[in-house]
C-alpha atoms as a PDB file:
ATOM      1  CA  MET A   1     125.221 -14.087  43.919  1.00  0.00           C
ATOM      2  CA  PRO A   2     124.997 -15.507  47.478  1.00  0.00           C
ATOM      3  CA  ILE A   3     127.868 -14.754  49.859  1.00  0.00           C
ATOM      4  CA  ASP A   4     128.666 -16.944  52.865  1.00  0.00           C
ATOM      5  CA  ILE A   5     131.402 -16.014  55.380  1.00  0.00           C
ATOM      6  CA  GLN A   6     132.309 -18.498  58.119  1.00  0.00           C
ATOM      7  CA  ARG A   7     135.006 -18.833  60.766  1.00  0.00           C
ATOM      8  CA  ILE A   8     136.576 -22.299  60.808  1.00  0.00           C
ATOM      9  CA  GLU A   9     139.526 -24.038  62.500  1.00  0.00           C
ATOM     10  CA  ILE A  10     142.289 -25.826  60.566  1.00  0.00           C
ATOM     11  CA  ASP A  11     144.565 -27.650  62.983  1.00  0.00           C
ATOM     12  CA  GLN A  12     146.009 -24.853  65.180  1.00  0.00           C
ATOM     13  CA  LEU A  13     144.895 -21.929  63.021  1.00  0.00           C
ATOM     14  CA  ALA A  14     141.720 -19.870  63.060  1.00  0.00           C
ATOM     15  CA  CYS A  15     140.625 -19.238  59.497  1.00  0.00           C
ATOM     16  CA  TRP A  16     137.881 -17.494  57.535  1.00  0.00           C
ATOM     17  CA  ARG A  17     136.154 -18.998  54.521  1.00  0.00           C
ATOM     18  CA  ILE A  18     134.263 -16.905  51.990  1.00  0.00           C
ATOM     19  CA  ARG A  19     132.025 -18.663  49.512  1.00  0.00           C
ATOM     20  CA  ARG A  20     130.644 -16.677  46.607  1.00  0.00           C
ATOM     21  CA  GLY A  21     128.433 -19.042  44.677  1.00  0.00           C
ATOM     22  CA  ASP A  22     130.773 -21.894  43.654  1.00  0.00           C
ATOM     23  CA  ASN A  23     133.926 -19.836  44.326  1.00  0.00           C
ATOM     24  CA  GLU A  24     135.838 -20.226  47.583  1.00  0.00           C
ATOM     25  CA  LEU A  25     138.501 -18.235  49.405  1.00  0.00           C
ATOM     26  CA  LEU A  26     140.311 -19.372  52.557  1.00  0.00           C
ATOM     27  CA  VAL A  27     142.209 -16.935  54.816  1.00  0.00           C
ATOM     28  CA  ALA A  28     144.142 -17.550  58.062  1.00  0.00           C
ATOM     29  CA  GLU A  29     144.036 -14.964  60.853  1.00  0.00           C
ATOM     30  CA  GLN A  30     147.708 -15.738  61.454  1.00  0.00           C
ATOM     31  CA  GLY A  31     149.589 -13.418  59.139  1.00  0.00           C
ATOM     32  CA  ALA A  32     146.270 -12.420  57.535  1.00  0.00           C
ATOM     33  CA  GLN A  33     147.428 -14.957  54.968  1.00  0.00           C
ATOM     34  CA  VAL A  34     145.285 -15.929  52.020  1.00  0.00           C
ATOM     35  CA  LEU A  35     145.643 -19.717  51.897  1.00  0.00           C
ATOM     36  CA  SER A  36     143.757 -20.744  48.788  1.00  0.00           C
ATOM     37  CA  TYR A  37     141.410 -19.414  46.123  1.00  0.00           C
ATOM     38  CA  ARG A  38     139.426 -21.352  43.562  1.00  0.00           C
ATOM     39  CA  GLN A  39     136.673 -20.583  41.073  1.00  0.00           C
ATOM     40  CA  GLY A  40     134.080 -23.329  40.802  1.00  0.00           C
ATOM     41  CA  ASP A  41     135.335 -26.792  39.871  1.00  0.00           C
ATOM     42  CA  ALA A  42     138.458 -25.468  38.099  1.00  0.00           C
ATOM     43  CA  PRO A  43     141.893 -26.104  39.649  1.00  0.00           C
ATOM     44  CA  PRO A  44     142.777 -23.575  42.361  1.00  0.00           C
ATOM     45  CA  ILE A  45     144.241 -20.242  41.270  1.00  0.00           C
ATOM     46  CA  ILE A  46     146.186 -19.680  44.488  1.00  0.00           C
ATOM     47  CA  TRP A  47     148.374 -22.699  45.278  1.00  0.00           C
ATOM     48  CA  LEU A  48     148.538 -24.290  48.734  1.00  0.00           C
ATOM     49  CA  SER A  49     151.145 -26.966  49.397  1.00  0.00           C
ATOM     50  CA  GLU A  50     149.901 -30.512  49.865  1.00  0.00           C
ATOM     51  CA  GLU A  51     152.306 -30.655  52.831  1.00  0.00           C
ATOM     52  CA  ALA A  52     151.220 -27.337  54.370  1.00  0.00           C
ATOM     53  CA  ALA A  53     151.368 -27.265  58.170  1.00  0.00           C
ATOM     54  CA  PHE A  54     148.782 -25.145  59.980  1.00  0.00           C
ATOM     55  CA  GLN A  55     150.881 -24.416  63.063  1.00  0.00           C
ATOM     56  CA  GLN A  56     150.948 -21.360  65.279  1.00  0.00           C
ATOM     57  CA  GLY A  57     153.967 -19.126  64.803  1.00  0.00           C
ATOM     58  CA  GLN A  58     155.029 -20.286  61.352  1.00  0.00           C
ATOM     59  CA  SER A  59     154.000 -19.210  57.890  1.00  0.00           C
ATOM     60  CA  VAL A  60     151.997 -21.732  55.867  1.00  0.00           C
ATOM     61  CA  ARG A  61     153.684 -22.820  52.618  1.00  0.00           C
ATOM     62  CA  GLY A  62     151.660 -21.443  49.742  1.00  0.00           C
ATOM     63  CA  GLY A  63     148.847 -18.921  49.523  1.00  0.00           C
ATOM     64  CA  VAL A  64     149.824 -15.257  49.848  1.00  0.00           C
ATOM     65  CA  PRO A  65     152.123 -14.621  52.839  1.00  0.00           C
ATOM     66  CA  ILE A  66     152.732 -10.951  53.694  1.00  0.00           C
ATOM     67  CA  CYS A  67     156.380  -9.865  53.735  1.00  0.00           C
ATOM     68  CA  TRP A  68     156.696  -6.652  55.808  1.00  0.00           C
ATOM     69  CA  PRO A  69     158.443  -4.291  56.790  1.00  0.00           C
ATOM     70  CA  TRP A  70     161.107  -5.727  54.535  1.00  0.00           C
ATOM     71  CA  PHE A  71     161.258  -8.311  51.805  1.00  0.00           C
ATOM     72  CA  GLY A  72     163.767 -11.147  51.664  1.00  0.00           C
ATOM     73  CA  ASP A  73     167.185 -10.779  53.270  1.00  0.00           C
ATOM     74  CA  LEU A  74     167.287  -7.458  55.122  1.00  0.00           C
ATOM     75  CA  LYS A  75     171.019  -7.159  54.339  1.00  0.00           C
ATOM     76  CA  ARG A  76     170.127  -7.039  50.626  1.00  0.00           C
ATOM     77  CA  ASN A  77     167.665  -4.181  51.128  1.00  0.00           C
ATOM     78  CA  PRO A  78     168.420  -0.472  50.592  1.00  0.00           C
ATOM     79  CA  GLU A  79     170.283   1.209  53.443  1.00  0.00           C
ATOM     80  CA  ASN A  80     167.321   3.181  54.780  1.00  0.00           C
ATOM     81  CA  VAL A  81     165.220  -0.013  55.003  1.00  0.00           C
ATOM     82  CA  GLN A  82     168.065  -1.727  56.871  1.00  0.00           C
ATOM     83  CA  ALA A  83     168.444   1.260  59.205  1.00  0.00           C
ATOM     84  CA  ALA A  84     164.812   1.023  60.313  1.00  0.00           C
ATOM     85  CA  TYR A  85     165.589  -2.290  62.056  1.00  0.00           C
ATOM     86  CA  ARG A  86     167.199  -1.772  65.473  1.00  0.00           C
ATOM     87  CA  GLY A  87     167.280  -5.375  66.666  1.00  0.00           C
ATOM     88  CA  GLU A  88     170.345  -6.975  68.207  1.00  0.00           C
ATOM     89  CA  THR A  89     169.588 -10.356  66.658  1.00  0.00           C
ATOM     90  CA  GLU A  90     169.832 -11.188  62.971  1.00  0.00           C
ATOM     91  CA  ALA A  91     166.752 -10.037  61.098  1.00  0.00           C
ATOM     92  CA  PRO A  92     164.505 -12.879  59.856  1.00  0.00           C
ATOM     93  CA  PHE A  93     163.842 -13.253  56.142  1.00  0.00           C
ATOM     94  CA  HIS A  94     160.686 -11.581  54.837  1.00  0.00           C
ATOM     95  CA  GLY A  95     160.071  -9.322  57.813  1.00  0.00           C
ATOM     96  CA  LEU A  96     158.225  -9.669  61.086  1.00  0.00           C
ATOM     97  CA  VAL A  97     154.489 -10.191  60.564  1.00  0.00           C
ATOM     98  CA  ARG A  98     153.973 -13.525  58.772  1.00  0.00           C
ATOM     99  CA  GLY A  99     153.743 -15.583  61.964  1.00  0.00           C
ATOM    100  CA  LEU A 100     151.728 -13.109  64.028  1.00  0.00           C
ATOM    101  CA  ASP A 101     148.037 -13.252  64.810  1.00  0.00           C
ATOM    102  CA  TRP A 102     146.332 -10.359  63.075  1.00  0.00           C
ATOM    103  CA  GLN A 103     142.983  -9.070  64.308  1.00  0.00           C
ATOM    104  CA  LEU A 104     139.872  -9.329  62.202  1.00  0.00           C
ATOM    105  CA  ALA A 105     138.544  -5.788  62.218  1.00  0.00           C
ATOM    106  CA  GLN A 106     135.496  -6.451  60.068  1.00  0.00           C
ATOM    107  CA  GLN A 107     133.784  -9.055  57.908  1.00  0.00           C
ATOM    108  CA  ARG A 108     130.891  -7.988  55.759  1.00  0.00           C
ATOM    109  CA  CYS A 109     129.059  -8.303  52.468  1.00  0.00           C
ATOM    110  CA  GLU A 110     128.460  -5.477  50.012  1.00  0.00           C
ATOM    111  CA  GLY A 111     126.024  -6.746  47.409  1.00  0.00           C
ATOM    112  CA  ASP A 112     127.694  -9.796  45.858  1.00  0.00           C
ATOM    113  CA  THR A 113     131.126  -8.979  47.330  1.00  0.00           C
ATOM    114  CA  GLY A 114     132.585 -10.588  50.457  1.00  0.00           C
ATOM    115  CA  ILE A 115     135.043  -8.494  52.475  1.00  0.00           C
ATOM    116  CA  LEU A 116     137.512  -9.246  55.277  1.00  0.00           C
ATOM    117  CA  GLU A 117     139.564  -6.495  56.940  1.00  0.00           C
ATOM    118  CA  PHE A 118     142.513  -7.258  59.236  1.00  0.00           C
ATOM    119  CA  SER A 119     144.862  -5.131  61.315  1.00  0.00           C
ATOM    120  CA  CYS A 120     148.260  -5.921  62.836  1.00  0.00           C
ATOM    121  CA  PRO A 121     148.353  -4.202  66.240  1.00  0.00           C
ATOM    122  CA  GLN A 122     151.975  -5.245  66.898  1.00  0.00           C
ATOM    123  CA  ALA A 123     153.087  -2.922  64.066  1.00  0.00           C
ATOM    124  CA  LEU A 124     152.226   0.029  66.320  1.00  0.00           C
ATOM    125  CA  GLY A 125     155.627  -0.059  68.024  1.00  0.00           C
ATOM    126  CA  ALA A 126     155.627  -3.625  69.408  1.00  0.00           C
ATOM    127  CA  LEU A 127     157.574  -5.545  66.761  1.00  0.00           C
ATOM    128  CA  PRO A 128     160.936  -6.863  68.018  1.00  0.00           C
ATOM    129  CA  GLY A 129     163.750  -4.562  66.920  1.00  0.00           C
ATOM    130  CA  TRP A 130     161.394  -2.365  64.939  1.00  0.00           C
ATOM    131  CA  PRO A 131     160.142   0.446  67.216  1.00  0.00           C
ATOM    132  CA  HIS A 132     158.205   2.501  64.669  1.00  0.00           C
ATOM    133  CA  ARG A 133     154.485   3.170  64.955  1.00  0.00           C
ATOM    134  CA  VAL A 134     152.921   2.154  61.673  1.00  0.00           C
ATOM    135  CA  GLU A 135     149.262   1.279  61.299  1.00  0.00           C
ATOM    136  CA  LEU A 136     149.130  -1.853  59.143  1.00  0.00           C
ATOM    137  CA  LYS A 137     145.883  -3.043  57.588  1.00  0.00           C
ATOM    138  CA  LEU A 138     144.930  -5.654  55.012  1.00  0.00           C
ATOM    139  CA  GLN A 139     141.684  -5.718  53.076  1.00  0.00           C
ATOM    140  CA  ILE A 140     140.595  -8.791  51.111  1.00  0.00           C
ATOM    141  CA  ARG A 141     137.658  -8.512  48.706  1.00  0.00           C
ATOM    142  CA  LEU A 142     136.089 -11.363  46.764  1.00  0.00           C
ATOM    143  CA  ASP A 143     133.854 -10.628  43.782  1.00  0.00           C
ATOM    144  CA  GLU A 144     134.503 -11.958  40.259  1.00  0.00           C
ATOM    145  CA  ARG A 145     138.168 -11.617  41.180  1.00  0.00           C
ATOM    146  CA  LEU A 146     140.299 -11.632  44.330  1.00  0.00           C
ATOM    147  CA  HIS A 147     141.490  -8.212  45.523  1.00  0.00           C
ATOM    148  CA  ILE A 148     144.198  -7.841  48.206  1.00  0.00           C
ATOM    149  CA  SER A 149     145.385  -4.462  49.495  1.00  0.00           C
ATOM    150  CA  LEU A 150     147.974  -3.793  52.215  1.00  0.00           C
ATOM    151  CA  THR A 151     148.007  -0.262  53.674  1.00  0.00           C
ATOM    152  CA  SER A 152     150.794   1.173  55.848  1.00  0.00           C
ATOM    153  CA  ARG A 153     150.288   4.514  57.633  1.00  0.00           C
ATOM    154  CA  ASN A 154     153.143   6.148  59.539  1.00  0.00           C
ATOM    155  CA  LEU A 155     151.786   7.391  62.877  1.00  0.00           C
ATOM    156  CA  GLY A 156     155.212   8.489  64.113  1.00  0.00           C
ATOM    157  CA  ASP A 157     156.936  11.820  63.666  1.00  0.00           C
ATOM    158  CA  GLN A 158     159.935  10.535  61.651  1.00  0.00           C
ATOM    159  CA  PRO A 159     160.094   9.017  58.134  1.00  0.00           C
ATOM    160  CA  VAL A 160     160.234   5.208  57.914  1.00  0.00           C
ATOM    161  CA  ALA A 161     161.494   3.221  54.915  1.00  0.00           C
ATOM    162  CA  ILE A 162     159.952  -0.181  54.158  1.00  0.00           C
ATOM    163  CA  SER A 163     160.049  -2.874  51.517  1.00  0.00           C
ATOM    164  CA  GLN A 164     157.222  -5.387  51.239  1.00  0.00           C
ATOM    165  CA  ALA A 165     155.566  -8.055  49.127  1.00  0.00           C
ATOM    166  CA  LEU A 166     152.369 -10.020  48.682  1.00  0.00           C
ATOM    167  CA  HIS A 167     154.178 -13.349  48.189  1.00  0.00           C
ATOM    168  CA  SER A 168     151.620 -14.971  45.869  1.00  0.00           C
ATOM    169  CA  TYR A 169     151.912 -18.657  44.945  1.00  0.00           C
ATOM    170  CA  PHE A 170     149.968 -19.574  41.787  1.00  0.00           C
ATOM    171  CA  ALA A 171     148.775 -23.067  40.876  1.00  0.00           C
ATOM    172  CA  ILE A 172     149.774 -24.166  37.373  1.00  0.00           C
ATOM    173  CA  GLY A 173     149.527 -27.253  35.208  1.00  0.00           C
ATOM    174  CA  ASP A 174     153.211 -27.653  34.297  1.00  0.00           C
ATOM    175  CA  ILE A 175     156.078 -25.241  35.008  1.00  0.00           C
ATOM    176  CA  HIS A 176     157.709 -26.188  31.665  1.00  0.00           C
ATOM    177  CA  GLN A 177     154.729 -24.885  29.701  1.00  0.00           C
ATOM    178  CA  VAL A 178     153.718 -21.652  31.450  1.00  0.00           C
ATOM    179  CA  SER A 179     154.903 -18.174  30.502  1.00  0.00           C
ATOM    180  CA  VAL A 180     154.651 -14.748  32.118  1.00  0.00           C
ATOM    181  CA  GLU A 181     153.524 -11.980  29.765  1.00  0.00           C
ATOM    182  CA  GLY A 182     154.188  -8.275  30.316  1.00  0.00           C
ATOM    183  CA  LEU A 183     157.865  -8.431  31.304  1.00  0.00           C
ATOM    184  CA  ASP A 184     159.415  -7.777  27.877  1.00  0.00           C
ATOM    185  CA  GLY A 185     161.997  -5.008  28.061  1.00  0.00           C
ATOM    186  CA  CYS A 186     161.909  -4.747  31.852  1.00  0.00           C
ATOM    187  CA  ARG A 187     165.132  -4.759  33.816  1.00  0.00           C
ATOM    188  CA  TYR A 188     165.611  -7.341  36.524  1.00  0.00           C
ATOM    189  CA  ILE A 189     168.110  -8.424  39.152  1.00  0.00           C
ATOM    190  CA  ASP A 190     169.072 -12.093  38.912  1.00  0.00           C
ATOM    191  CA  THR A 191     169.780 -13.052  42.513  1.00  0.00           C
ATOM    192  CA  LEU A 192     171.139 -16.443  41.385  1.00  0.00           C
ATOM    193  CA  GLU A 193     173.759 -14.803  39.148  1.00  0.00           C
ATOM    194  CA  ASN A 194     175.579 -12.575  41.633  1.00  0.00           C
ATOM    195  CA  TRP A 195     172.705 -10.080  41.706  1.00  0.00           C
ATOM    196  CA  GLN A 196     173.569  -8.902  38.216  1.00  0.00           C
ATOM    197  CA  GLN A 197     171.137  -6.538  36.499  1.00  0.00           C
ATOM    198  CA  ARG A 198     169.747  -7.708  33.163  1.00  0.00           C
ATOM    199  CA  GLN A 199     166.926  -6.954  30.734  1.00  0.00           C
ATOM    200  CA  GLN A 200     164.073  -9.312  29.899  1.00  0.00           C
ATOM    201  CA  GLN A 201     163.709 -10.324  26.268  1.00  0.00           C
ATOM    202  CA  GLY A 202     160.183 -11.487  25.425  1.00  0.00           C
ATOM    203  CA  ASP A 203     157.981 -13.456  27.810  1.00  0.00           C
ATOM    204  CA  LEU A 204     159.522 -15.275  30.779  1.00  0.00           C
ATOM    205  CA  ARG A 205     159.634 -19.068  30.541  1.00  0.00           C
ATOM    206  CA  PHE A 206     160.925 -21.180  33.394  1.00  0.00           C
ATOM    207  CA  THR A 207     163.877 -23.424  32.487  1.00  0.00           C
ATOM    208  CA  GLY A 208     165.540 -23.842  35.887  1.00  0.00           C
ATOM    209  CA  GLU A 209     165.618 -22.375  39.373  1.00  0.00           C
ATOM    210  CA  THR A 210     164.372 -18.790  39.115  1.00  0.00           C
ATOM    211  CA  ASP A 211     164.708 -15.940  41.606  1.00  0.00           C
ATOM    212  CA  ARG A 212     164.479 -12.563  39.916  1.00  0.00           C
ATOM    213  CA  ILE A 213     163.496  -9.086  41.080  1.00  0.00           C
ATOM    214  CA  TYR A 214     161.795  -7.237  38.218  1.00  0.00           C
ATOM    215  CA  LEU A 215     161.744  -3.440  38.288  1.00  0.00           C
ATOM    216  CA  ASP A 216     159.803  -0.662  36.532  1.00  0.00           C
ATOM    217  CA  LEU A 217     156.933  -3.014  35.707  1.00  0.00           C
ATOM    218  CA  PRO A 218     153.639  -2.233  33.998  1.00  0.00           C
ATOM    219  CA  PRO A 219     150.547  -2.548  36.229  1.00  0.00           C
ATOM    220  CA  THR A 220     149.316  -5.744  34.494  1.00  0.00           C
ATOM    221  CA  LEU A 221     151.004  -9.136  34.152  1.00  0.00           C
ATOM    222  CA  HIS A 222     149.598 -12.414  32.811  1.00  0.00           C
ATOM    223  CA  LEU A 223     150.487 -15.989  33.732  1.00  0.00           C
ATOM    224  CA  ARG A 224     149.630 -18.057  30.658  1.00  0.00           C
ATOM    225  CA  ASP A 225     148.973 -21.737  31.356  1.00  0.00           C
ATOM    226  CA  PRO A 226     148.210 -23.842  28.251  1.00  0.00           C
ATOM    227  CA  GLN A 227     147.835 -27.111  30.181  1.00  0.00           C
ATOM    228  CA  LEU A 228     145.036 -25.689  32.343  1.00  0.00           C
ATOM    229  CA  ASN A 229     143.707 -23.679  29.390  1.00  0.00           C
ATOM    230  CA  ARG A 230     143.712 -20.399  31.295  1.00  0.00           C
ATOM    231  CA  ARG A 231     145.444 -17.092  31.761  1.00  0.00           C
ATOM    232  CA  ILE A 232     145.745 -15.634  35.262  1.00  0.00           C
ATOM    233  CA  THR A 233     145.825 -11.835  35.297  1.00  0.00           C
ATOM    234  CA  LEU A 234     147.452  -9.693  37.977  1.00  0.00           C
ATOM    235  CA  GLN A 235     146.552  -6.003  38.096  1.00  0.00           C
ATOM    236  CA  THR A 236     148.589  -4.054  40.623  1.00  0.00           C
ATOM    237  CA  ARG A 237     148.436  -0.693  42.333  1.00  0.00           C
ATOM    238  CA  GLY A 238     151.152   1.046  44.336  1.00  0.00           C
ATOM    239  CA  SER A 239     153.795  -1.337  42.967  1.00  0.00           C
ATOM    240  CA  ARG A 240     156.467  -1.148  40.286  1.00  0.00           C
ATOM    241  CA  SER A 241     158.381  -4.300  41.221  1.00  0.00           C
ATOM    242  CA  ALA A 242     157.755  -8.039  41.463  1.00  0.00           C
ATOM    243  CA  ILE A 243     159.659 -11.180  42.345  1.00  0.00           C
ATOM    244  CA  LEU A 244     159.436 -14.203  40.057  1.00  0.00           C
ATOM    245  CA  TRP A 245     160.374 -17.425  41.839  1.00  0.00           C
ATOM    246  CA  ASN A 246     160.438 -21.171  41.365  1.00  0.00           C
ATOM    247  CA  PRO A 247     162.781 -23.421  43.407  1.00  0.00           C
ATOM    248  CA  TRP A 248     163.147 -26.133  40.721  1.00  0.00           C
ATOM    249  CA  ILE A 249     164.426 -29.610  41.547  1.00  0.00           C
ATOM    250  CA  ASP A 250     167.289 -29.344  44.041  1.00  0.00           C
ATOM    251  CA  LYS A 251     166.030 -26.500  46.210  1.00  0.00           C
ATOM    252  CA  ALA A 252     162.545 -28.024  46.364  1.00  0.00           C
ATOM    253  CA  GLN A 253     164.025 -30.953  48.293  1.00  0.00           C
ATOM    254  CA  ARG A 254     165.343 -28.560  50.969  1.00  0.00           C
ATOM    255  CA  LEU A 255     162.156 -26.551  51.501  1.00  0.00           C
ATOM    256  CA  SER A 256     159.838 -27.140  54.437  1.00  0.00           C
ATOM    257  CA  GLN A 257     156.170 -28.048  53.846  1.00  0.00           C
ATOM    258  CA  PHE A 258     157.011 -28.710  50.184  1.00  0.00           C
ATOM    259  CA  ALA A 259     156.749 -31.981  48.235  1.00  0.00           C
ATOM    260  CA  ASP A 260     159.822 -32.890  46.186  1.00  0.00           C
ATOM    261  CA  ASP A 261     157.878 -32.545  42.925  1.00  0.00           C
ATOM    262  CA  ALA A 262     155.706 -29.556  43.880  1.00  0.00           C
ATOM    263  CA  TRP A 263     157.939 -27.141  41.931  1.00  0.00           C
ATOM    264  CA  GLN A 264     156.258 -28.413  38.773  1.00  0.00           C
ATOM    265  CA  ARG A 265     152.813 -27.225  39.941  1.00  0.00           C
ATOM    266  CA  MET A 266     153.500 -23.702  41.264  1.00  0.00           C
ATOM    267  CA  ALA A 267     155.037 -20.383  40.323  1.00  0.00           C
ATOM    268  CA  CYS A 268     155.383 -17.248  42.420  1.00  0.00           C
ATOM    269  CA  ILE A 269     154.671 -13.775  41.086  1.00  0.00           C
ATOM    270  CA  GLU A 270     155.069 -11.555  44.135  1.00  0.00           C
ATOM    271  CA  THR A 271     153.624  -8.051  43.926  1.00  0.00           C
ATOM    272  CA  ALA A 272     156.174  -5.898  45.732  1.00  0.00           C
ATOM    273  CA  ASN A 273     157.841  -2.657  46.707  1.00  0.00           C
ATOM    274  CA  THR A 274     161.520  -3.541  46.811  1.00  0.00           C
ATOM    275  CA  MET A 275     164.952  -2.249  45.784  1.00  0.00           C
ATOM    276  CA  ASP A 276     164.428   1.041  43.859  1.00  0.00           C
ATOM    277  CA  ASP A 277     160.692   0.660  44.469  1.00  0.00           C
ATOM    278  CA  ARG A 278     160.959   0.752  48.279  1.00  0.00           C
ATOM    279  CA  VAL A 279     158.516   3.024  50.102  1.00  0.00           C
ATOM    280  CA  LEU A 280     159.507   6.027  52.212  1.00  0.00           C
ATOM    281  CA  LEU A 281     156.652   6.817  54.571  1.00  0.00           C
ATOM    282  CA  ASN A 282     156.877  10.380  55.804  1.00  0.00           C
ATOM    283  CA  ALA A 283     155.225  11.269  59.117  1.00  0.00           C
ATOM    284  CA  GLY A 284     151.467  10.903  58.692  1.00  0.00           C
ATOM    285  CA  ALA A 285     151.771   9.449  55.183  1.00  0.00           C
ATOM    286  CA  SER A 286     150.240   6.179  53.989  1.00  0.00           C
ATOM    287  CA  HIS A 287     150.846   3.800  51.110  1.00  0.00           C
ATOM    288  CA  THR A 288     148.750   0.960  49.679  1.00  0.00           C
ATOM    289  CA  LEU A 289     150.193  -2.057  47.882  1.00  0.00           C
ATOM    290  CA  ALA A 290     147.438  -3.890  46.026  1.00  0.00           C
ATOM    291  CA  VAL A 291     146.810  -6.677  43.536  1.00  0.00           C
ATOM    292  CA  SER A 292     143.670  -7.963  41.831  1.00  0.00           C
ATOM    293  CA  ILE A 293     143.764 -11.569  40.596  1.00  0.00           C
ATOM    294  CA  GLY A 294     141.458 -13.097  38.010  1.00  0.00           C
ATOM    295  CA  SER A 295     141.406 -15.918  35.499  1.00  0.00           C
ATOM    296  CA  GLU A 296     140.039 -16.452  32.002  1.00  0.00           C
ATOM    297  CA  SER A 297     140.079 -19.291  29.485  1.00  0.00           C
ATOM    298  CA  ILE A 298     142.491 -19.220  26.544  1.00  0.00           C
END
């Protein structure tokens, strides 16, 4: 299987494109953010907004943004994750690295696999309000599936607590028809219902705005999509939590880089370490958060 890796420019952003036969992956150096992923002529697996803006300093809507060293609202994170931030200004949502330029450490082919490796040098003590020295690396591998792994290594002499997520947007045929398999019996926090803790009964189907933090998850989830006749599979490592999100009608109209009707064509399943699943990095310790994404016909 031929592999082609090229550096390209999209508006203000430097990007890398991997082609493996008829499959294509697009990654921005900013945020080391996967932007899109498709297999052949089929609809994309990773969703990218039709109104995405490729501007320096801001995350692109869609793809797989990296949320690190905390996920979501820092004030909703566990106390030791909050304590790691020493900034005098209010902490931004989803951490500090999404809008930064990461460095491409290596691009290579191994047989019929294309590989990109990025590092975030600012994480070594230069992030605003976050003085810890943590080596942060992302590896992206493309073979029959897409593999993303984020590794944090504490180079300091004190423990550091982090939460994080690979904020994956998936392209779907119709939000009313899809279901997420593998959640039955799992507890979750419904952030739209006063952060109450509940238990999932059966598969998840989307019937309105959804923003849930699922805990104690199995390593494999499936996004079943009858309209596109496929099932997307997520296999995770180093993660026991995930966020399931769709903005629905009203919130979609308030989102940037987001068409008013785009909520019908996307669903987020965000591989994470959050809440009880946060990571405590002891001095010298490392942790890898990883997901492999594939698709099959149903």
